[in-house]
Amino acid sequence: MCELFAMSASVPHTVRYELDLFAAEGGERHRDRDGWSILFAQDRDAYLFREPDPAATSELARMVVRDECPCKHLMAHVRRASAREPALANTHPFDGVVHGKRNAFAHNGDMPGIKDREDAREFILRRIGDTDSELVFLMLLDRLKRAGSADPSVRLEVFSRFAAEMRELGSANFLFFDGEHLFVHADRRRFETEDGLTERREPGLNIRSFNNRHRRDRCDARGASIEEIYGPLHLFASVPLETEGWEPLTRGTAMILRDGMIVSQITS
């Protein structure tokens, strides 16, 4: 089971992101974490920090929490390896360069049977690691390339249709950043209890939105705090990080955001 977090903001914000605390709020109280990552998007590129080890014992994670890195778009992932040994090559987000821009993808869920799909086979040997999630990322990039359009609405349609196909295989909670836009897709997920994992159920992702009325407000989400809100901003997380303000995303919801604004949203 993995935990996702993302931000899209109108101006650069500094997020104090405590990875281990965030994972605990997400339900990882009873199981060891196997890795973590955080991406701070910059103009066409990104600072990307990731390790296949628990954040609680990581000097790198402490450095990331301590040092400020303001950004408009942020993506983070705390991972528990479901079937394979922890390895850097299997640590989200998976990234690559497309048309001179850093692209990145993080996923919560599993995709049993994806390697048997005809359209997946050519990408199996292109992976660095051996996760289904990286395979999904490569397939998504191929779909967007074949669409041949830079129009955000067209790209969202492609993203949404692809995510709908992936929902038939397993949980498809996706975060995708294309260097300009943050794409989000919500599905179902498993929740952890003291007795083990539940069956898949909604919501797989939650959203909290801030607008100009919230200027100068502080966000004290557990595991991810913002000292001061400067303008429109949206946060996404696998589970609500506060008791108020978070809304569940319906299964099949797909949206594209740029600089704190929801450009388009559809449900499939």
Protein backbone atom coordinates (compact mmCIF):
# COMPACT_ATOMS: atom_id res chain seq x y z
CA MET A 1 0.00 0.00 0.00
CA CYS A 2 1.30 3.45 -0.94
CA GLU A 3 0.42 7.02 -0.03
CA LEU A 4 0.19 9.87 -2.54
CA PHE A 5 0.36 13.63 -2.09
CA ALA A 6 0.40 16.47 -4.61
CA MET A 7 0.04 20.23 -4.84
CA SER A 8 -0.76 22.68 -7.63
CA ALA A 9 -0.44 26.37 -6.70
CA SER A 10 -0.70 29.74 -8.43
CA VAL A 11 2.62 30.94 -7.02
CA PRO A 12 5.51 29.04 -5.42
CA HIS A 13 4.73 27.77 -1.92
CA THR A 14 6.93 26.01 0.60
CA VAL A 15 5.46 22.75 1.88
CA ARG A 16 6.90 21.35 5.09
CA TYR A 17 6.52 17.73 4.19
CA GLU A 18 7.22 15.20 6.96
CA LEU A 19 7.23 11.96 5.03
CA ASP A 20 7.10 9.51 7.91
CA LEU A 21 4.31 11.36 9.71
CA PHE A 22 2.35 11.58 6.46
CA ALA A 23 2.64 7.82 5.97
CA ALA A 24 1.34 7.21 9.48
CA GLU A 25 -1.70 9.40 8.83
CA GLY A 26 -2.27 7.44 5.66
CA GLY A 27 -2.66 4.22 7.61
CA GLU A 28 0.90 2.92 7.64
CA ARG A 29 0.98 2.63 11.41
CA HIS A 30 1.13 -1.14 11.46
CA ARG A 31 3.54 -1.90 8.61
CA ASP A 32 7.05 -0.83 7.72
CA ARG A 33 7.54 1.58 4.84
CA ASP A 34 9.88 0.58 2.04
CA GLY A 35 10.65 3.87 0.34
CA TRP A 36 9.77 7.50 -0.19
CA SER A 37 10.10 10.27 -2.75
CA ILE A 38 9.30 13.92 -3.30
CA LEU A 39 9.42 16.02 -6.47
CA PHE A 40 9.61 19.82 -6.48
CA ALA A 41 8.77 21.03 -9.99
CA GLN A 42 10.78 23.89 -11.46
CA ASP A 43 10.70 25.51 -14.90
CA ARG A 44 10.83 22.53 -17.32
CA ASP A 45 12.71 20.43 -14.77
CA ALA A 46 12.37 19.28 -11.17
CA TYR A 47 14.26 18.49 -8.01
CA LEU A 48 13.61 14.81 -7.35
CA PHE A 49 14.61 13.06 -4.12
CA ARG A 50 13.87 9.38 -3.57
CA GLU A 51 15.14 6.39 -1.61
CA PRO A 52 14.08 2.76 -1.27
CA ASP A 53 14.46 2.98 2.53
CA PRO A 54 12.10 4.21 5.29
CA ALA A 55 12.00 7.99 5.69
CA ALA A 56 12.19 7.63 9.48
CA THR A 57 15.84 6.56 9.25
CA SER A 58 16.87 8.65 6.25
CA GLU A 59 19.35 11.52 6.47
CA LEU A 60 18.26 12.60 2.99
CA ALA A 61 14.62 12.79 4.10
CA ARG A 62 15.61 14.95 7.06
CA MET A 63 17.50 17.27 4.73
CA VAL A 64 14.48 17.57 2.43
CA VAL A 65 12.21 18.40 5.38
CA ARG A 66 14.69 20.91 6.79
CA ASP A 67 15.55 22.81 3.61
CA GLU A 68 13.04 25.00 1.80
CA CYS A 69 12.25 24.44 -1.88
CA PRO A 70 9.36 26.67 -2.99
CA CYS A 71 7.45 25.40 -6.03
CA LYS A 72 4.11 25.58 -7.79
CA HIS A 73 3.76 21.83 -8.31
CA LEU A 74 4.80 19.11 -5.91
CA MET A 75 4.39 15.35 -5.95
CA ALA A 76 5.24 12.91 -3.16
CA HIS A 77 4.94 9.18 -2.60
CA VAL A 78 5.52 6.88 0.36
CA ARG A 79 5.80 3.29 -0.76
CA ARG A 80 5.32 -0.15 0.63
CA ALA A 81 6.59 -2.82 -1.74
CA SER A 82 3.71 -5.20 -2.37
CA ALA A 83 5.47 -7.99 -4.19
CA ARG A 84 9.13 -7.13 -4.72
CA GLU A 85 12.13 -6.24 -2.63
CA PRO A 86 12.65 -2.50 -2.11
CA ALA A 87 14.90 -1.06 -4.80
CA LEU A 88 15.67 2.42 -6.09
CA ALA A 89 14.60 1.36 -9.59
CA ASN A 90 11.14 0.56 -8.22
CA THR A 91 10.73 3.77 -6.23
CA HIS A 92 8.15 6.28 -7.47
CA PRO A 93 7.81 8.71 -9.11
CA PHE A 94 9.10 7.38 -12.40
CA ASP A 95 10.39 10.14 -14.60
CA GLY A 96 11.63 10.95 -18.08
CA VAL A 97 12.12 13.87 -20.45
CA VAL A 98 9.54 14.56 -23.18
CA HIS A 99 9.93 17.56 -25.51
CA GLY A 100 12.49 19.08 -23.18
CA LYS A 101 10.32 18.86 -20.07
CA ARG A 102 10.56 16.60 -17.04
CA ASN A 103 7.62 14.20 -16.82
CA ALA A 104 6.86 12.22 -13.67
CA PHE A 105 4.30 9.62 -12.59
CA ALA A 106 3.26 8.13 -9.24
CA HIS A 107 0.66 5.45 -8.62
CA ASN A 108 -1.19 3.90 -5.71
CA GLY A 109 -2.48 0.43 -6.47
CA ASP A 110 -1.55 -2.76 -8.25
CA MET A 111 -2.16 -3.91 -11.82
CA PRO A 112 -2.22 -7.70 -11.98
CA GLY A 113 -2.32 -8.91 -15.55
CA ILE A 114 -1.07 -5.73 -17.18
CA LYS A 115 1.98 -7.51 -18.65
CA ASP A 116 -0.39 -9.76 -20.59
CA ARG A 117 -1.87 -6.86 -22.54
CA GLU A 118 -0.75 -6.66 -26.14
CA ASP A 119 -0.05 -2.93 -25.88
CA ALA A 120 2.16 -3.43 -22.79
CA ARG A 121 4.61 -6.00 -24.11
CA GLU A 122 6.85 -3.64 -26.08
CA PHE A 123 7.48 -1.58 -22.94
CA ILE A 124 8.40 -4.39 -20.56
CA LEU A 125 12.08 -4.34 -21.52
CA ARG A 126 12.18 -0.54 -21.52
CA ARG A 127 11.61 -0.35 -17.79
CA ILE A 128 14.46 0.38 -15.42
CA GLY A 129 12.74 -1.52 -12.62
CA ASP A 130 10.13 -4.25 -12.66
CA THR A 131 6.97 -2.61 -11.32
CA ASP A 132 3.59 -2.52 -12.98
CA SER A 133 3.50 1.20 -12.17
CA GLU A 134 6.51 2.01 -14.34
CA LEU A 135 4.96 0.00 -17.15
CA VAL A 136 1.76 2.06 -16.80
CA PHE A 137 3.85 5.26 -17.01
CA LEU A 138 5.53 4.18 -20.25
CA MET A 139 2.19 3.19 -21.75
CA LEU A 140 0.66 6.53 -20.78
CA LEU A 141 3.51 8.46 -22.40
CA ASP A 142 2.99 6.43 -25.57
CA ARG A 143 -0.76 7.17 -25.61
CA LEU A 144 -0.13 10.90 -25.23
CA LYS A 145 2.52 10.81 -27.95
CA ARG A 146 0.16 9.03 -30.33
CA ALA A 147 -2.55 11.62 -29.65
CA GLY A 148 -0.17 14.22 -31.04
CA SER A 149 -1.82 17.18 -29.35
CA ALA A 150 -0.58 19.78 -26.87
CA ASP A 151 -4.14 20.90 -26.12
CA PRO A 152 -4.75 20.28 -22.38
CA SER A 153 -8.36 19.18 -22.92
CA VAL A 154 -7.32 16.61 -25.54
CA ARG A 155 -4.54 15.33 -23.30
CA LEU A 156 -6.97 15.02 -20.40
CA GLU A 157 -9.34 12.97 -22.59
CA VAL A 158 -6.48 10.62 -23.48
CA PHE A 159 -5.41 10.42 -19.83
CA SER A 160 -8.96 9.72 -18.66
CA ARG A 161 -9.62 6.99 -21.24
CA PHE A 162 -6.32 5.33 -20.41
CA ALA A 163 -7.04 5.46 -16.67
CA ALA A 164 -10.48 3.91 -17.26
CA GLU A 165 -8.79 0.97 -19.00
CA MET A 166 -6.37 0.59 -16.10
CA ARG A 167 -9.24 0.57 -13.57
CA GLU A 168 -10.33 -2.73 -15.07
CA LEU A 169 -7.02 -4.26 -13.95
CA GLY A 170 -6.70 -2.87 -10.43
CA SER A 171 -6.53 0.34 -8.43
CA ALA A 172 -5.61 3.28 -10.67
CA ASN A 173 -4.93 6.28 -8.46
CA PHE A 174 -2.57 8.33 -10.63
CA LEU A 175 -0.53 11.51 -10.33
CA PHE A 176 1.15 12.63 -13.56
CA PHE A 177 3.14 15.81 -14.19
CA ASP A 178 4.08 16.77 -17.76
CA GLY A 179 6.33 19.72 -16.98
CA GLU A 180 3.43 22.20 -17.02
CA HIS A 181 0.28 20.44 -15.86
CA LEU A 182 -0.63 18.13 -13.01
CA PHE A 183 -2.97 15.30 -14.02
CA VAL A 184 -4.93 13.47 -11.31
CA HIS A 185 -7.09 10.35 -11.54
CA ALA A 186 -9.01 8.86 -8.62
CA ASP A 187 -10.02 5.23 -8.21
CA ARG A 188 -10.47 2.92 -5.22
CA ARG A 189 -7.77 1.80 -2.78
CA ARG A 190 -7.15 -0.63 0.03
CA PHE A 191 -7.20 0.73 3.58
CA GLU A 192 -5.09 -0.64 6.39
CA THR A 193 -6.57 -1.82 9.68
CA GLU A 194 -5.07 -3.69 12.60
CA ASP A 195 -6.49 -6.84 11.03
CA GLY A 196 -4.89 -6.23 7.64
CA LEU A 197 -5.90 -4.62 4.37
CA THR A 198 -9.50 -4.07 3.34
CA GLU A 199 -10.97 -4.78 -0.06
CA ARG A 200 -10.66 -1.93 -2.57
CA ARG A 201 -13.10 0.88 -1.89
CA GLU A 202 -13.57 4.60 -2.50
CA PRO A 203 -12.18 7.14 -2.13
CA GLY A 204 -8.75 6.55 -3.59
CA LEU A 205 -7.86 10.24 -3.50
CA ASN A 206 -9.07 13.35 -1.69
CA ILE A 207 -8.80 17.05 -2.54
CA ARG A 208 -8.55 20.23 -0.49
CA SER A 209 -8.91 23.55 -2.29
CA PHE A 210 -7.91 27.08 -1.32
CA ASN A 211 -8.88 30.27 -3.17
CA ASN A 212 -8.24 33.98 -2.77
CA ARG A 213 -10.44 34.05 0.34
CA HIS A 214 -7.79 31.95 2.06
CA ARG A 215 -4.92 34.38 1.46
CA ARG A 216 -2.66 34.58 4.51
CA ASP A 217 -4.25 31.45 5.98
CA ARG A 218 -2.07 28.66 7.29
CA CYS A 219 -2.51 25.00 6.31
CA ASP A 220 -1.66 22.58 9.11
CA ALA A 221 -2.30 19.28 7.36
CA ARG A 222 -0.73 16.42 9.29
CA GLY A 223 2.53 15.57 7.58
CA ALA A 224 2.34 18.44 5.06
CA SER A 225 2.01 22.01 6.32
CA ILE A 226 2.10 25.37 4.53
CA GLU A 227 3.02 28.44 6.57
CA GLU A 228 1.01 30.89 4.48
CA ILE A 229 -1.37 30.58 1.52
CA TYR A 230 -0.66 33.20 -1.16
CA GLY A 231 -3.30 32.37 -3.75
CA PRO A 232 -5.36 29.59 -5.36
CA LEU A 233 -4.00 26.18 -4.43
CA HIS A 234 -5.15 22.55 -4.49
CA LEU A 235 -3.85 19.65 -2.43
CA PHE A 236 -4.40 15.94 -3.12
CA ALA A 237 -3.82 13.05 -0.73
CA SER A 238 -4.66 9.38 -0.42
CA VAL A 239 -6.51 10.12 2.83
CA PRO A 240 -7.71 13.40 4.39
CA LEU A 241 -4.87 14.97 6.36
CA GLU A 242 -7.20 17.11 8.48
CA THR A 243 -10.66 16.60 9.95
CA GLU A 244 -12.18 19.42 7.86
CA GLY A 245 -11.81 20.85 4.38
CA TRP A 246 -11.03 17.67 2.45
CA GLU A 247 -13.44 16.24 -0.12
CA PRO A 248 -13.35 12.70 -1.57
CA LEU A 249 -12.90 12.34 -5.32
CA THR A 250 -15.41 10.06 -6.99
CA ARG A 251 -14.00 7.01 -8.73
CA GLY A 252 -13.27 7.87 -12.34
CA THR A 253 -12.65 11.57 -11.70
CA ALA A 254 -9.82 12.90 -13.86
CA MET A 255 -8.59 16.48 -13.83
CA ILE A 256 -5.80 18.61 -15.18
CA LEU A 257 -4.39 21.56 -13.23
CA ARG A 258 -1.95 24.32 -13.99
CA ASP A 259 -0.64 26.86 -11.50
CA GLY A 260 -3.36 26.27 -8.93
CA MET A 261 -6.26 26.29 -11.38
CA ILE A 262 -8.34 23.31 -12.49
CA VAL A 263 -8.13 23.61 -16.27
CA SER A 264 -10.59 20.80 -16.97
CA GLN A 265 -12.28 17.91 -15.17
CA ILE A 266 -14.21 14.88 -16.40
CA THR A 267 -15.60 11.69 -14.90
CA SER A 268 -15.59 8.39 -16.76
